[in-house]
Amino acid sequence: MNALDKAIENRWSESTHELVHHSDQGVQYASHDYVDCLKEHNIQISMSRKGNPYDNAFAESFMKTLKVEEVYLNEYGTFEDAYRNIWRFIETVYNKKRLHSALGYRSPEQFEVELALNTVA
């Protein structure tokens, strides 16, 4: 719930009205509180079929990117060091600057600005 609340707080806006939340079938994603929060924000719920890793291709791609472009390139001295560096990569590189093929080779930040201005091609 903390991660979902933080994502909604930091990223959700009226222009993201067709947002899809995809997850595996973990009990945490099917809990009443979690599902109610998604519905409250009109976020479409999508779950992987049991035993089908291809349903979660975007998440798998993200994890590969995180490992290759951040984790494998660094040695973390402490948990806090790892947390700080991984958070920085996700928030300042992956979510804002890194170009994504699924977004027409735009950064998520650029895509969201264009979406808000209704100029996404």
PDB file of N, CA and C in Angstrom:
ATOM      1  N   MET A   1       0.822  -1.190   0.000  1.00  0.00           N
ATOM      2  CA  MET A   1       0.000   0.000   0.000  1.00  0.00           C
ATOM      3  C   MET A   1       0.867   1.256   0.000  1.00  0.00           C
ATOM      4  N   ASN A   2       1.979   1.205   0.731  1.00  0.00           N
ATOM      5  CA  ASN A   2       2.851   2.383   0.766  1.00  0.00           C
ATOM      6  C   ASN A   2       3.379   2.735  -0.620  1.00  0.00           C
ATOM      7  N   ALA A   3       3.808   1.725  -1.372  1.00  0.00           N
ATOM      8  CA  ALA A   3       4.334   1.976  -2.715  1.00  0.00           C
ATOM      9  C   ALA A   3       3.243   2.492  -3.642  1.00  0.00           C
ATOM     10  N   LEU A   4       2.047   1.922  -3.551  1.00  0.00           N
ATOM     11  CA  LEU A   4       0.934   2.383  -4.380  1.00  0.00           C
ATOM     12  C   LEU A   4       0.563   3.815  -4.020  1.00  0.00           C
ATOM     13  N   ASP A   5       0.457   4.095  -2.739  1.00  0.00           N
ATOM     14  CA  ASP A   5       0.132   5.456  -2.300  1.00  0.00           C
ATOM     15  C   ASP A   5       1.164   6.459  -2.788  1.00  0.00           C
ATOM     16  N   LYS A   6       2.436   6.091  -2.705  1.00  0.00           N
ATOM     17  CA  LYS A   6       3.511   6.984  -3.146  1.00  0.00           C
ATOM     18  C   LYS A   6       3.450   7.194  -4.656  1.00  0.00           C
ATOM     19  N   ALA A   7       3.183   6.126  -5.417  1.00  0.00           N
ATOM     20  CA  ALA A   7       3.073   6.248  -6.874  1.00  0.00           C
ATOM     21  C   ALA A   7       1.924   7.163  -7.253  1.00  0.00           C
ATOM     22  N   ILE A   8       0.798   6.998  -6.597  1.00  0.00           N
ATOM     23  CA  ILE A   8      -0.357   7.851  -6.885  1.00  0.00           C
ATOM     24  C   ILE A   8      -0.059   9.292  -6.510  1.00  0.00           C
ATOM     25  N   GLU A   9       0.551   9.478  -5.366  1.00  0.00           N
ATOM     26  CA  GLU A   9       0.896  10.826  -4.903  1.00  0.00           C
ATOM     27  C   GLU A   9       1.849  11.535  -5.866  1.00  0.00           C
ATOM     28  N   ASN A  10       2.842  10.798  -6.361  1.00  0.00           N
ATOM     29  CA  ASN A  10       3.888  11.411  -7.189  1.00  0.00           C
ATOM     30  C   ASN A  10       3.593  11.428  -8.679  1.00  0.00           C
ATOM     31  N   ARG A  11       2.784  10.477  -9.172  1.00  0.00           N
ATOM     32  CA  ARG A  11       2.659  10.332 -10.617  1.00  0.00           C
ATOM     33  C   ARG A  11       1.250  10.455 -11.169  1.00  0.00           C
ATOM     34  N   TRP A  12       0.235  10.209 -10.364  1.00  0.00           N
ATOM     35  CA  TRP A  12      -1.125  10.155 -10.873  1.00  0.00           C
ATOM     36  C   TRP A  12      -1.654  11.565 -11.119  1.00  0.00           C
ATOM     37  N   SER A  13      -2.413  11.721 -12.210  1.00  0.00           N
ATOM     38  CA  SER A  13      -3.090  12.984 -12.490  1.00  0.00           C
ATOM     39  C   SER A  13      -4.347  12.674 -13.299  1.00  0.00           C
ATOM     40  N   GLU A  14      -5.165  13.658 -13.498  1.00  0.00           N
ATOM     41  CA  GLU A  14      -6.386  13.461 -14.284  1.00  0.00           C
ATOM     42  C   GLU A  14      -6.080  13.016 -15.708  1.00  0.00           C
ATOM     43  N   SER A  15      -4.903  13.392 -16.224  1.00  0.00           N
ATOM     44  CA  SER A  15      -4.563  13.026 -17.597  1.00  0.00           C
ATOM     45  C   SER A  15      -4.166  11.557 -17.733  1.00  0.00           C
ATOM     46  N   THR A  16      -3.993  10.869 -16.606  1.00  0.00           N
ATOM     47  CA  THR A  16      -3.646   9.446 -16.661  1.00  0.00           C
ATOM     48  C   THR A  16      -4.890   8.597 -16.425  1.00  0.00           C
ATOM     49  N   HIS A  17      -6.008   9.011 -17.003  1.00  0.00           N
ATOM     50  CA  HIS A  17      -7.289   8.353 -16.757  1.00  0.00           C
ATOM     51  C   HIS A  17      -7.399   6.955 -17.349  1.00  0.00           C
ATOM     52  N   GLU A  18      -6.499   6.556 -18.207  1.00  0.00           N
ATOM     53  CA  GLU A  18      -6.534   5.210 -18.781  1.00  0.00           C
ATOM     54  C   GLU A  18      -5.387   4.365 -18.240  1.00  0.00           C
ATOM     55  N   LEU A  19      -4.985   4.634 -17.024  1.00  0.00           N
ATOM     56  CA  LEU A  19      -3.876   3.937 -16.403  1.00  0.00           C
ATOM     57  C   LEU A  19      -4.235   2.484 -16.105  1.00  0.00           C
ATOM     58  N   VAL A  20      -3.275   1.580 -16.347  1.00  0.00           N
ATOM     59  CA  VAL A  20      -3.461   0.152 -16.086  1.00  0.00           C
ATOM     60  C   VAL A  20      -2.438  -0.276 -15.037  1.00  0.00           C
ATOM     61  N   HIS A  21      -2.890  -0.953 -14.011  1.00  0.00           N
ATOM     62  CA  HIS A  21      -2.003  -1.510 -12.983  1.00  0.00           C
ATOM     63  C   HIS A  21      -1.889  -3.005 -13.240  1.00  0.00           C
ATOM     64  N   HIS A  22      -0.699  -3.436 -13.637  1.00  0.00           N
ATOM     65  CA  HIS A  22      -0.506  -4.857 -13.929  1.00  0.00           C
ATOM     66  C   HIS A  22       0.346  -5.479 -12.835  1.00  0.00           C
ATOM     67  N   SER A  23      -0.053  -6.643 -12.375  1.00  0.00           N
ATOM     68  CA  SER A  23       0.693  -7.345 -11.333  1.00  0.00           C
ATOM     69  C   SER A  23       0.573  -8.843 -11.531  1.00  0.00           C
ATOM     70  N   ASP A  24       1.333  -9.559 -10.714  1.00  0.00           N
ATOM     71  CA  ASP A  24       1.132 -11.000 -10.668  1.00  0.00           C
ATOM     72  C   ASP A  24      -0.051 -11.264  -9.732  1.00  0.00           C
ATOM     73  N   GLN A  25      -0.298 -12.518  -9.410  1.00  0.00           N
ATOM     74  CA  GLN A  25      -1.461 -12.857  -8.604  1.00  0.00           C
ATOM     75  C   GLN A  25      -1.158 -12.865  -7.104  1.00  0.00           C
ATOM     76  N   GLY A  26      -0.181 -12.108  -6.693  1.00  0.00           N
ATOM     77  CA  GLY A  26       0.168 -12.025  -5.275  1.00  0.00           C
ATOM     78  C   GLY A  26      -0.992 -11.536  -4.437  1.00  0.00           C
ATOM     79  N   VAL A  27      -1.114 -12.085  -3.250  1.00  0.00           N
ATOM     80  CA  VAL A  27      -2.234 -11.755  -2.366  1.00  0.00           C
ATOM     81  C   VAL A  27      -2.271 -10.261  -2.041  1.00  0.00           C
ATOM     82  N   GLN A  28      -1.110  -9.607  -1.988  1.00  0.00           N
ATOM     83  CA  GLN A  28      -1.085  -8.186  -1.670  1.00  0.00           C
ATOM     84  C   GLN A  28      -1.806  -7.350  -2.728  1.00  0.00           C
ATOM     85  N   TYR A  29      -1.777  -7.800  -3.985  1.00  0.00           N
ATOM     86  CA  TYR A  29      -2.419  -7.051  -5.065  1.00  0.00           C
ATOM     87  C   TYR A  29      -3.907  -7.337  -5.163  1.00  0.00           C
ATOM     88  N   ALA A  30      -4.367  -8.380  -4.499  1.00  0.00           N
ATOM     89  CA  ALA A  30      -5.784  -8.746  -4.526  1.00  0.00           C
ATOM     90  C   ALA A  30      -6.503  -8.358  -3.239  1.00  0.00           C
ATOM     91  N   SER A  31      -5.790  -7.753  -2.300  1.00  0.00           N
ATOM     92  CA  SER A  31      -6.419  -7.378  -1.030  1.00  0.00           C
ATOM     93  C   SER A  31      -7.490  -6.319  -1.266  1.00  0.00           C
ATOM     94  N   HIS A  32      -8.464  -6.295  -0.385  1.00  0.00           N
ATOM     95  CA  HIS A  32      -9.563  -5.335  -0.521  1.00  0.00           C
ATOM     96  C   HIS A  32      -9.060  -3.891  -0.521  1.00  0.00           C
ATOM     97  N   ASP A  33      -8.147  -3.564   0.387  1.00  0.00           N
ATOM     98  CA  ASP A  33      -7.643  -2.191   0.468  1.00  0.00           C
ATOM     99  C   ASP A  33      -6.933  -1.784  -0.823  1.00  0.00           C
ATOM    100  N   TYR A  34      -6.122  -2.675  -1.358  1.00  0.00           N
ATOM    101  CA  TYR A  34      -5.347  -2.379  -2.560  1.00  0.00           C
ATOM    102  C   TYR A  34      -6.276  -2.188  -3.760  1.00  0.00           C
ATOM    103  N   VAL A  35      -7.188  -3.138  -3.935  1.00  0.00           N
ATOM    104  CA  VAL A  35      -8.132  -3.077  -5.057  1.00  0.00           C
ATOM    105  C   VAL A  35      -9.034  -1.848  -4.926  1.00  0.00           C
ATOM    106  N   ASP A  36      -9.491  -1.558  -3.720  1.00  0.00           N
ATOM    107  CA  ASP A  36     -10.337  -0.379  -3.504  1.00  0.00           C
ATOM    108  C   ASP A  36      -9.607   0.907  -3.871  1.00  0.00           C
ATOM    109  N   CYS A  37      -8.311   0.986  -3.539  1.00  0.00           N
ATOM    110  CA  CYS A  37      -7.519   2.173  -3.869  1.00  0.00           C
ATOM    111  C   CYS A  37      -7.392   2.324  -5.383  1.00  0.00           C
ATOM    112  N   LEU A  38      -7.131   1.216  -6.084  1.00  0.00           N
ATOM    113  CA  LEU A  38      -7.046   1.271  -7.550  1.00  0.00           C
ATOM    114  C   LEU A  38      -8.373   1.737  -8.148  1.00  0.00           C
ATOM    115  N   LYS A  39      -9.469   1.162  -7.667  1.00  0.00           N
ATOM    116  CA  LYS A  39     -10.789   1.532  -8.191  1.00  0.00           C
ATOM    117  C   LYS A  39     -11.118   2.987  -7.886  1.00  0.00           C
ATOM    118  N   GLU A  40     -10.751   3.443  -6.698  1.00  0.00           N
ATOM    119  CA  GLU A  40     -11.013   4.835  -6.302  1.00  0.00           C
ATOM    120  C   GLU A  40     -10.367   5.817  -7.269  1.00  0.00           C
ATOM    121  N   HIS A  41      -9.229   5.434  -7.841  1.00  0.00           N
ATOM    122  CA  HIS A  41      -8.518   6.298  -8.786  1.00  0.00           C
ATOM    123  C   HIS A  41      -8.777   5.902 -10.242  1.00  0.00           C
ATOM    124  N   ASN A  42      -9.784   5.053 -10.444  1.00  0.00           N
ATOM    125  CA  ASN A  42     -10.162   4.600 -11.791  1.00  0.00           C
ATOM    126  C   ASN A  42      -8.992   3.985 -12.550  1.00  0.00           C
ATOM    127  N   ILE A  43      -8.175   3.229 -11.831  1.00  0.00           N
ATOM    128  CA  ILE A  43      -7.046   2.548 -12.436  1.00  0.00           C
ATOM    129  C   ILE A  43      -7.495   1.136 -12.802  1.00  0.00           C
ATOM    130  N   GLN A  44      -7.336   0.786 -14.071  1.00  0.00           N
ATOM    131  CA  GLN A  44      -7.744  -0.540 -14.539  1.00  0.00           C
ATOM    132  C   GLN A  44      -6.831  -1.607 -13.941  1.00  0.00           C
ATOM    133  N   ILE A  45      -7.420  -2.679 -13.453  1.00  0.00           N
ATOM    134  CA  ILE A  45      -6.676  -3.759 -12.812  1.00  0.00           C
ATOM    135  C   ILE A  45      -6.404  -4.867 -13.823  1.00  0.00           C
ATOM    136  N   SER A  46      -5.145  -5.290 -13.903  1.00  0.00           N
ATOM    137  CA  SER A  46      -4.731  -6.360 -14.799  1.00  0.00           C
ATOM    138  C   SER A  46      -3.816  -7.292 -14.023  1.00  0.00           C
ATOM    139  N   MET A  47      -4.100  -8.590 -14.086  1.00  0.00           N
ATOM    140  CA  MET A  47      -3.249  -9.570 -13.400  1.00  0.00           C
ATOM    141  C   MET A  47      -2.769 -10.627 -14.378  1.00  0.00           C
ATOM    142  N   SER A  48      -1.542 -11.084 -14.147  1.00  0.00           N
ATOM    143  CA  SER A  48      -0.980 -12.163 -14.952  1.00  0.00           C
ATOM    144  C   SER A  48      -1.788 -13.436 -14.759  1.00  0.00           C
ATOM    145  N   ARG A  49      -1.805 -14.232 -15.811  1.00  0.00           N
ATOM    146  CA  ARG A  49      -2.367 -15.570 -15.671  1.00  0.00           C
ATOM    147  C   ARG A  49      -1.374 -16.409 -14.882  1.00  0.00           C
ATOM    148  N   LYS A  50      -1.867 -17.360 -14.170  1.00  0.00           N
ATOM    149  CA  LYS A  50      -1.022 -18.209 -13.341  1.00  0.00           C
ATOM    150  C   LYS A  50       0.057 -18.887 -14.195  1.00  0.00           C
ATOM    151  N   GLY A  51       1.312 -18.703 -13.769  1.00  0.00           N
ATOM    152  CA  GLY A  51       2.429 -19.368 -14.431  1.00  0.00           C
ATOM    153  C   GLY A  51       2.788 -18.829 -15.798  1.00  0.00           C
ATOM    154  N   ASN A  52       2.343 -17.604 -16.144  1.00  0.00           N
ATOM    155  CA  ASN A  52       2.644 -17.057 -17.465  1.00  0.00           C
ATOM    156  C   ASN A  52       3.509 -15.805 -17.318  1.00  0.00           C
ATOM    157  N   PRO A  53       4.840 -15.936 -17.416  1.00  0.00           N
ATOM    158  CA  PRO A  53       5.720 -14.788 -17.233  1.00  0.00           C
ATOM    159  C   PRO A  53       5.596 -13.745 -18.336  1.00  0.00           C
ATOM    160  N   TYR A  54       5.056 -14.118 -19.487  1.00  0.00           N
ATOM    161  CA  TYR A  54       4.950 -13.161 -20.595  1.00  0.00           C
ATOM    162  C   TYR A  54       3.890 -12.105 -20.338  1.00  0.00           C
ATOM    163  N   ASP A  55       2.941 -12.393 -19.441  1.00  0.00           N
ATOM    164  CA  ASP A  55       1.932 -11.395 -19.084  1.00  0.00           C
ATOM    165  C   ASP A  55       2.553 -10.190 -18.398  1.00  0.00           C
ATOM    166  N   ASN A  56       3.718 -10.373 -17.828  1.00  0.00           N
ATOM    167  CA  ASN A  56       4.347  -9.314 -17.052  1.00  0.00           C
ATOM    168  C   ASN A  56       5.618  -8.810 -17.739  1.00  0.00           C
ATOM    169  N   ALA A  57       5.590  -8.764 -19.058  1.00  0.00           N
ATOM    170  CA  ALA A  57       6.786  -8.427 -19.831  1.00  0.00           C
ATOM    171  C   ALA A  57       7.342  -7.043 -19.510  1.00  0.00           C
ATOM    172  N   PHE A  58       6.476  -6.052 -19.280  1.00  0.00           N
ATOM    173  CA  PHE A  58       6.974  -4.705 -18.972  1.00  0.00           C
ATOM    174  C   PHE A  58       7.731  -4.689 -17.654  1.00  0.00           C
ATOM    175  N   ALA A  59       7.183  -5.362 -16.640  1.00  0.00           N
ATOM    176  CA  ALA A  59       7.862  -5.421 -15.343  1.00  0.00           C
ATOM    177  C   ALA A  59       9.169  -6.187 -15.451  1.00  0.00           C
ATOM    178  N   GLU A  60       9.160  -7.280 -16.195  1.00  0.00           N
ATOM    179  CA  GLU A  60      10.388  -8.057 -16.386  1.00  0.00           C
ATOM    180  C   GLU A  60      11.442  -7.212 -17.112  1.00  0.00           C
ATOM    181  N   SER A  61      11.020  -6.445 -18.087  1.00  0.00           N
ATOM    182  CA  SER A  61      11.931  -5.570 -18.812  1.00  0.00           C
ATOM    183  C   SER A  61      12.511  -4.505 -17.881  1.00  0.00           C
ATOM    184  N   PHE A  62      11.663  -3.938 -17.039  1.00  0.00           N
ATOM    185  CA  PHE A  62      12.135  -2.933 -16.080  1.00  0.00           C
ATOM    186  C   PHE A  62      13.191  -3.532 -15.149  1.00  0.00           C
ATOM    187  N   MET A  63      12.924  -4.726 -14.621  1.00  0.00           N
ATOM    188  CA  MET A  63      13.868  -5.355 -13.694  1.00  0.00           C
ATOM    189  C   MET A  63      15.210  -5.618 -14.383  1.00  0.00           C
ATOM    190  N   LYS A  64      15.161  -6.033 -15.636  1.00  0.00           N
ATOM    191  CA  LYS A  64      16.413  -6.252 -16.380  1.00  0.00           C
ATOM    192  C   LYS A  64      17.173  -4.936 -16.526  1.00  0.00           C
ATOM    193  N   THR A  65      16.452  -3.877 -16.891  1.00  0.00           N
ATOM    194  CA  THR A  65      17.078  -2.569 -17.045  1.00  0.00           C
ATOM    195  C   THR A  65      17.687  -2.098 -15.733  1.00  0.00           C
ATOM    196  N   LEU A  66      16.947  -2.234 -14.651  1.00  0.00           N
ATOM    197  CA  LEU A  66      17.443  -1.824 -13.333  1.00  0.00           C
ATOM    198  C   LEU A  66      18.729  -2.573 -12.984  1.00  0.00           C
ATOM    199  N   LYS A  67      18.743  -3.871 -13.218  1.00  0.00           N
ATOM    200  CA  LYS A  67      19.924  -4.664 -12.888  1.00  0.00           C
ATOM    201  C   LYS A  67      21.117  -4.290 -13.757  1.00  0.00           C
ATOM    202  N   VAL A  68      20.896  -4.198 -15.077  1.00  0.00           N
ATOM    203  CA  VAL A  68      21.998  -3.951 -16.019  1.00  0.00           C
ATOM    204  C   VAL A  68      22.524  -2.522 -15.923  1.00  0.00           C
ATOM    205  N   GLU A  69      21.632  -1.546 -15.775  1.00  0.00           N
ATOM    206  CA  GLU A  69      22.062  -0.144 -15.822  1.00  0.00           C
ATOM    207  C   GLU A  69      22.363   0.456 -14.452  1.00  0.00           C
ATOM    208  N   GLU A  70      22.041  -0.265 -13.373  1.00  0.00           N
ATOM    209  CA  GLU A  70      22.327   0.266 -12.037  1.00  0.00           C
ATOM    210  C   GLU A  70      22.999  -0.773 -11.141  1.00  0.00           C
ATOM    211  N   VAL A  71      22.319  -1.834 -10.836  1.00  0.00           N
ATOM    212  CA  VAL A  71      22.777  -2.769  -9.805  1.00  0.00           C
ATOM    213  C   VAL A  71      24.114  -3.420 -10.151  1.00  0.00           C
ATOM    214  N   TYR A  72      24.249  -3.979 -11.356  1.00  0.00           N
ATOM    215  CA  TYR A  72      25.473  -4.687 -11.717  1.00  0.00           C
ATOM    216  C   TYR A  72      26.676  -3.754 -11.870  1.00  0.00           C
ATOM    217  N   LEU A  73      26.443  -2.469 -12.005  1.00  0.00           N
ATOM    218  CA  LEU A  73      27.529  -1.503 -12.187  1.00  0.00           C
ATOM    219  C   LEU A  73      28.060  -0.952 -10.873  1.00  0.00           C
ATOM    220  N   ASN A  74      27.421  -1.299  -9.765  1.00  0.00           N
ATOM    221  CA  ASN A  74      27.782  -0.711  -8.480  1.00  0.00           C
ATOM    222  C   ASN A  74      27.981  -1.763  -7.397  1.00  0.00           C
ATOM    223  N   GLU A  75      28.788  -1.394  -6.418  1.00  0.00           N
ATOM    224  CA  GLU A  75      28.926  -2.185  -5.206  1.00  0.00           C
ATOM    225  C   GLU A  75      28.403  -1.327  -4.071  1.00  0.00           C
ATOM    226  N   TYR A  76      27.402  -1.827  -3.388  1.00  0.00           N
ATOM    227  CA  TYR A  76      26.770  -1.073  -2.307  1.00  0.00           C
ATOM    228  C   TYR A  76      27.354  -1.508  -0.976  1.00  0.00           C
ATOM    229  N   GLY A  77      27.767  -0.538  -0.163  1.00  0.00           N
ATOM    230  CA  GLY A  77      28.358  -0.848   1.131  1.00  0.00           C
ATOM    231  C   GLY A  77      27.339  -1.197   2.185  1.00  0.00           C
ATOM    232  N   THR A  78      26.169  -0.588   2.084  1.00  0.00           N
ATOM    233  CA  THR A  78      25.125  -0.814   3.089  1.00  0.00           C
ATOM    234  C   THR A  78      23.775  -0.901   2.383  1.00  0.00           C
ATOM    235  N   PHE A  79      22.791  -1.356   3.112  1.00  0.00           N
ATOM    236  CA  PHE A  79      21.439  -1.392   2.581  1.00  0.00           C
ATOM    237  C   PHE A  79      20.991   0.023   2.214  1.00  0.00           C
ATOM    238  N   GLU A  80      21.295   0.980   3.064  1.00  0.00           N
ATOM    239  CA  GLU A  80      20.907   2.375   2.805  1.00  0.00           C
ATOM    240  C   GLU A  80      21.548   2.899   1.527  1.00  0.00           C
ATOM    241  N   ASP A  81      22.798   2.527   1.291  1.00  0.00           N
ATOM    242  CA  ASP A  81      23.508   2.919   0.072  1.00  0.00           C
ATOM    243  C   ASP A  81      22.802   2.341  -1.155  1.00  0.00           C
ATOM    244  N   ALA A  82      22.450   1.055  -1.091  1.00  0.00           N
ATOM    245  CA  ALA A  82      21.735   0.411  -2.200  1.00  0.00           C
ATOM    246  C   ALA A  82      20.388   1.082  -2.407  1.00  0.00           C
ATOM    247  N   TYR A  83      19.649   1.290  -1.337  1.00  0.00           N
ATOM    248  CA  TYR A  83      18.326   1.914  -1.416  1.00  0.00           C
ATOM    249  C   TYR A  83      18.418   3.285  -2.067  1.00  0.00           C
ATOM    250  N   ARG A  84      19.360   4.107  -1.616  1.00  0.00           N
ATOM    251  CA  ARG A  84      19.518   5.476  -2.127  1.00  0.00           C
ATOM    252  C   ARG A  84      19.857   5.470  -3.627  1.00  0.00           C
ATOM    253  N   ASN A  85      20.783   4.604  -4.030  1.00  0.00           N
ATOM    254  CA  ASN A  85      21.188   4.559  -5.437  1.00  0.00           C
ATOM    255  C   ASN A  85      20.099   3.993  -6.336  1.00  0.00           C
ATOM    256  N   ILE A  86      19.434   2.960  -5.888  1.00  0.00           N
ATOM    257  CA  ILE A  86      18.352   2.374  -6.688  1.00  0.00           C
ATOM    258  C   ILE A  86      17.188   3.347  -6.774  1.00  0.00           C
ATOM    259  N   TRP A  87      16.860   4.028  -5.685  1.00  0.00           N
ATOM    260  CA  TRP A  87      15.795   5.039  -5.705  1.00  0.00           C
ATOM    261  C   TRP A  87      16.146   6.148  -6.699  1.00  0.00           C
ATOM    262  N   ARG A  88      17.404   6.612  -6.656  1.00  0.00           N
ATOM    263  CA  ARG A  88      17.839   7.674  -7.576  1.00  0.00           C
ATOM    264  C   ARG A  88      17.703   7.216  -9.020  1.00  0.00           C
ATOM    265  N   PHE A  89      18.122   5.985  -9.310  1.00  0.00           N
ATOM    266  CA  PHE A  89      18.023   5.483 -10.673  1.00  0.00           C
ATOM    267  C   PHE A  89      16.571   5.453 -11.137  1.00  0.00           C
ATOM    268  N   ILE A  90      15.692   4.919 -10.315  1.00  0.00           N
ATOM    269  CA  ILE A  90      14.282   4.809 -10.696  1.00  0.00           C
ATOM    270  C   ILE A  90      13.658   6.187 -10.868  1.00  0.00           C
ATOM    271  N   GLU A  91      13.840   7.045  -9.888  1.00  0.00           N
ATOM    272  CA  GLU A  91      13.152   8.339  -9.895  1.00  0.00           C
ATOM    273  C   GLU A  91      13.760   9.376 -10.835  1.00  0.00           C
ATOM    274  N   THR A  92      15.080   9.433 -10.928  1.00  0.00           N
ATOM    275  CA  THR A  92      15.669  10.501 -11.744  1.00  0.00           C
ATOM    276  C   THR A  92      16.130  10.044 -13.119  1.00  0.00           C
ATOM    277  N   VAL A  93      16.435   8.779 -13.281  1.00  0.00           N
ATOM    278  CA  VAL A  93      16.874   8.289 -14.591  1.00  0.00           C
ATOM    279  C   VAL A  93      15.721   7.596 -15.306  1.00  0.00           C
ATOM    280  N   TYR A  94      15.221   6.512 -14.739  1.00  0.00           N
ATOM    281  CA  TYR A  94      14.209   5.691 -15.424  1.00  0.00           C
ATOM    282  C   TYR A  94      12.890   6.436 -15.627  1.00  0.00           C
ATOM    283  N   ASN A  95      12.398   7.090 -14.595  1.00  0.00           N
ATOM    284  CA  ASN A  95      11.084   7.747 -14.681  1.00  0.00           C
ATOM    285  C   ASN A  95      11.112   9.122 -15.343  1.00  0.00           C
ATOM    286  N   LYS A  96      12.271   9.734 -15.442  1.00  0.00           N
ATOM    287  CA  LYS A  96      12.300  11.099 -15.972  1.00  0.00           C
ATOM    288  C   LYS A  96      13.111  11.265 -17.242  1.00  0.00           C
ATOM    289  N   LYS A  97      14.266  10.629 -17.334  1.00  0.00           N
ATOM    290  CA  LYS A  97      15.176  10.924 -18.439  1.00  0.00           C
ATOM    291  C   LYS A  97      15.300   9.815 -19.468  1.00  0.00           C
ATOM    292  N   ARG A  98      15.246   8.564 -19.034  1.00  0.00           N
ATOM    293  CA  ARG A  98      15.514   7.438 -19.936  1.00  0.00           C
ATOM    294  C   ARG A  98      14.431   7.330 -21.005  1.00  0.00           C
ATOM    295  N   LEU A  99      14.842   7.157 -22.250  1.00  0.00           N
ATOM    296  CA  LEU A  99      13.893   7.016 -23.340  1.00  0.00           C
ATOM    297  C   LEU A  99      13.323   5.601 -23.346  1.00  0.00           C
ATOM    298  N   HIS A 100      12.008   5.493 -23.577  1.00  0.00           N
ATOM    299  CA  HIS A 100      11.324   4.205 -23.563  1.00  0.00           C
ATOM    300  C   HIS A 100      10.716   3.937 -24.932  1.00  0.00           C
ATOM    301  N   SER A 101      11.017   2.784 -25.492  1.00  0.00           N
ATOM    302  CA  SER A 101      10.484   2.449 -26.816  1.00  0.00           C
ATOM    303  C   SER A 101       8.958   2.396 -26.800  1.00  0.00           C
ATOM    304  N   ALA A 102       8.363   1.943 -25.708  1.00  0.00           N
ATOM    305  CA  ALA A 102       6.897   1.852 -25.624  1.00  0.00           C
ATOM    306  C   ALA A 102       6.241   3.226 -25.615  1.00  0.00           C
ATOM    307  N   LEU A 103       7.030   4.279 -25.382  1.00  0.00           N
ATOM    308  CA  LEU A 103       6.501   5.652 -25.370  1.00  0.00           C
ATOM    309  C   LEU A 103       6.985   6.428 -26.592  1.00  0.00           C
ATOM    310  N   GLY A 104       7.296   5.717 -27.643  1.00  0.00           N
ATOM    311  CA  GLY A 104       7.772   6.382 -28.859  1.00  0.00           C
ATOM    312  C   GLY A 104       9.136   7.012 -28.667  1.00  0.00           C
ATOM    313  N   TYR A 105       9.994   6.377 -27.890  1.00  0.00           N
ATOM    314  CA  TYR A 105      11.338   6.858 -27.577  1.00  0.00           C
ATOM    315  C   TYR A 105      11.316   8.252 -26.960  1.00  0.00           C
ATOM    316  N   ARG A 106      10.360   8.416 -26.047  1.00  0.00           N
ATOM    317  CA  ARG A 106      10.294   9.619 -25.209  1.00  0.00           C
ATOM    318  C   ARG A 106      10.513   9.181 -23.768  1.00  0.00           C
ATOM    319  N   SER A 107      10.900  10.122 -22.941  1.00  0.00           N
ATOM    320  CA  SER A 107      11.012   9.824 -21.515  1.00  0.00           C
ATOM    321  C   SER A 107       9.599   9.834 -20.924  1.00  0.00           C
ATOM    322  N   PRO A 108       9.393   9.134 -19.815  1.00  0.00           N
ATOM    323  CA  PRO A 108       8.068   9.186 -19.182  1.00  0.00           C
ATOM    324  C   PRO A 108       7.652  10.614 -18.829  1.00  0.00           C
ATOM    325  N   GLU A 109       8.605  11.409 -18.383  1.00  0.00           N
ATOM    326  CA  GLU A 109       8.304  12.792 -18.039  1.00  0.00           C
ATOM    327  C   GLU A 109       7.806  13.560 -19.271  1.00  0.00           C
ATOM    328  N   GLN A 110       8.496  13.407 -20.395  1.00  0.00           N
ATOM    329  CA  GLN A 110       8.096  14.070 -21.635  1.00  0.00           C
ATOM    330  C   GLN A 110       6.729  13.559 -22.089  1.00  0.00           C
ATOM    331  N   PHE A 111       6.528  12.245 -22.021  1.00  0.00           N
ATOM    332  CA  PHE A 111       5.261  11.646 -22.430  1.00  0.00           C
ATOM    333  C   PHE A 111       4.105  12.179 -21.587  1.00  0.00           C
ATOM    334  N   GLU A 112       4.304  12.279 -20.260  1.00  0.00           N
ATOM    335  CA  GLU A 112       3.255  12.767 -19.381  1.00  0.00           C
ATOM    336  C   GLU A 112       2.918  14.229 -19.640  1.00  0.00           C
ATOM    337  N   VAL A 113       3.931  15.031 -19.959  1.00  0.00           N
ATOM    338  CA  VAL A 113       3.684  16.453 -20.298  1.00  0.00           C
ATOM    339  C   VAL A 113       2.858  16.525 -21.583  1.00  0.00           C
ATOM    340  N   GLU A 114       3.248  15.742 -22.591  1.00  0.00           N
ATOM    341  CA  GLU A 114       2.507  15.735 -23.856  1.00  0.00           C
ATOM    342  C   GLU A 114       1.084  15.212 -23.647  1.00  0.00           C
ATOM    343  N   LEU A 115       0.945  14.215 -22.787  1.00  0.00           N
ATOM    344  CA  LEU A 115      -0.382  13.664 -22.494  1.00  0.00           C
ATOM    345  C   LEU A 115      -1.257  14.724 -21.826  1.00  0.00           C
ATOM    346  N   ALA A 116      -0.686  15.457 -20.880  1.00  0.00           N
ATOM    347  CA  ALA A 116      -1.437  16.507 -20.196  1.00  0.00           C
ATOM    348  C   ALA A 116      -1.840  17.615 -21.156  1.00  0.00           C
ATOM    349  N   LEU A 117      -0.999  17.874 -22.138  1.00  0.00           N
ATOM    350  CA  LEU A 117      -1.298  18.904 -23.137  1.00  0.00           C
ATOM    351  C   LEU A 117      -2.109  18.335 -24.295  1.00  0.00           C
ATOM    352  N   ASN A 118      -2.361  17.014 -24.222  1.00  0.00           N
ATOM    353  CA  ASN A 118      -3.132  16.301 -25.243  1.00  0.00           C
ATOM    354  C   ASN A 118      -2.472  16.392 -26.610  1.00  0.00           C
ATOM    355  N   THR A 119      -1.143  16.266 -26.621  1.00  0.00           N
ATOM    356  CA  THR A 119      -0.415  16.357 -27.895  1.00  0.00           C
ATOM    357  C   THR A 119       0.341  15.073 -28.215  1.00  0.00           C
ATOM    358  N   VAL A 120       0.031  13.981 -27.527  1.00  0.00           N
ATOM    359  CA  VAL A 120       0.710  12.715 -27.796  1.00  0.00           C
ATOM    360  C   VAL A 120       0.330  12.221 -29.185  1.00  0.00           C
ATOM    361  N   ALA A 121       1.350  11.930 -29.993  1.00  0.00           N
ATOM    362  CA  ALA A 121       1.090  11.464 -31.352  1.00  0.00           C
ATOM    363  C   ALA A 121       0.961   9.963 -31.386  1.00  0.00           C
TER     364      ALA A 121
END
